[in-house]
C-alpha cells in the first residue's frame, strides 16, 4: 500500500467517525456484538437513526453485520484496543 493510499484510508476513517452518534455506537460495540435495537436503546436514539449511522460505519469498514434470520448482529471490525482510544 502506498503512502498516499494510507492517508486516504485515514481520512476516510476520520470522516466516518466524525459524528457523536457513530462514536457512541463504536463505544457500545467495544464490549461485543449487539443487535440494532439494543444499540438504539443503550444510546437513547431511534432505531432508524442508529440504522442510518450503522450504514455509514459499515461502508467505512468500521463495523460488520451478521444476519441470522430476521436478527442482525453488529460487531466492531476494529481491534478493541483501538476502540478504547476513541
Protein backbone atom coordinates (compact mmCIF):
# COMPACT_ATOMS: atom_id res chain seq x y z
CA UNK A 1 0.00 0.00 0.00
CA UNK A 2 1.47 3.36 -0.98
CA UNK A 3 1.76 6.29 1.42
CA UNK A 4 -0.95 8.11 -0.50
CA UNK A 5 -3.44 5.29 -0.03
CA UNK A 6 -2.64 5.03 3.68
CA UNK A 7 -3.51 8.70 4.08
CA UNK A 8 -6.70 8.19 2.10
CA UNK A 9 -7.73 5.36 4.44
CA UNK A 10 -7.00 7.54 7.46
CA UNK A 11 -9.12 10.38 6.05
CA UNK A 12 -12.00 8.01 5.30
CA UNK A 13 -11.88 6.65 8.85
CA UNK A 14 -11.84 10.15 10.33
CA UNK A 15 -14.80 11.19 8.17
CA UNK A 16 -16.66 8.06 9.18
CA UNK A 17 -16.08 8.72 12.89
CA UNK A 18 -16.76 12.48 12.71
CA UNK A 19 -20.15 12.16 14.35
CA UNK A 20 -21.01 11.80 18.05
CA UNK A 21 -23.70 9.16 17.46
CA UNK A 22 -21.32 6.99 15.41
CA UNK A 23 -18.58 7.35 18.03
CA UNK A 24 -21.06 6.28 20.70
CA UNK A 25 -22.13 3.26 18.64
CA UNK A 26 -18.49 2.16 18.31
CA UNK A 27 -18.03 2.62 22.06
CA UNK A 28 -21.03 0.36 22.74
CA UNK A 29 -19.63 -2.28 20.38
CA UNK A 30 -16.26 -2.45 22.16
CA UNK A 31 -17.88 -4.84 24.67
CA UNK A 32 -19.05 -7.21 21.93
CA UNK A 33 -21.68 -7.64 19.23
CA UNK A 34 -25.10 -6.03 19.70
CA UNK A 35 -28.41 -6.05 17.89
CA UNK A 36 -29.52 -2.79 16.26
CA UNK A 37 -32.48 -2.38 18.63
CA UNK A 38 -30.23 -2.90 21.65
CA UNK A 39 -27.76 -0.29 20.40
CA UNK A 40 -30.64 2.16 19.92
CA UNK A 41 -31.89 1.55 23.45
CA UNK A 42 -28.42 1.85 25.01
CA UNK A 43 -27.59 5.16 23.34
CA UNK A 44 -31.12 6.57 23.51
CA UNK A 45 -31.58 7.13 19.77
CA UNK A 46 -34.37 5.97 17.45
CA UNK A 47 -33.64 2.70 15.66
CA UNK A 48 -33.92 4.42 12.27
CA UNK A 49 -31.18 6.89 13.30
CA UNK A 50 -28.95 4.06 14.51
CA UNK A 51 -29.53 2.09 11.29
CA UNK A 52 -28.56 5.10 9.17
CA UNK A 53 -25.35 5.64 11.14
CA UNK A 54 -24.55 1.92 11.05
CA UNK A 55 -24.74 2.14 7.25
CA UNK A 56 -22.03 4.81 7.28
CA UNK A 57 -19.92 2.73 9.68
CA UNK A 58 -20.36 -0.40 7.54
CA UNK A 59 -19.40 1.46 4.36
CA UNK A 60 -16.31 2.75 6.15
CA UNK A 61 -15.33 -0.74 7.27
CA UNK A 62 -15.67 0.13 10.96
CA UNK A 63 -18.42 -2.41 11.72
CA UNK A 64 -19.70 -5.62 10.19
CA UNK A 65 -23.18 -7.08 10.25
CA UNK A 66 -24.14 -10.74 10.52
CA UNK A 67 -27.72 -11.66 9.77
CA UNK A 68 -29.40 -14.71 11.31
CA UNK A 69 -32.93 -14.90 10.03
CA UNK A 70 -34.60 -11.62 10.97
CA UNK A 71 -31.95 -10.74 13.57
CA UNK A 72 -28.92 -8.68 12.65
CA UNK A 73 -25.90 -8.66 14.94
CA UNK A 74 -23.44 -5.78 14.61
CA UNK A 75 -19.81 -6.07 15.65
CA UNK A 76 -16.78 -3.84 15.52
CA UNK A 77 -14.36 -4.52 12.70
CA UNK A 78 -11.50 -2.81 14.54
CA UNK A 79 -9.49 -4.09 17.46
CA UNK A 80 -10.78 -3.45 20.97
CA UNK A 81 -7.51 -1.73 21.95
CA UNK A 82 -8.01 0.76 19.12
CA UNK A 83 -11.61 1.45 20.15
CA UNK A 84 -10.67 2.40 23.70
CA UNK A 85 -8.77 5.35 22.26
CA UNK A 86 -12.00 6.71 20.74
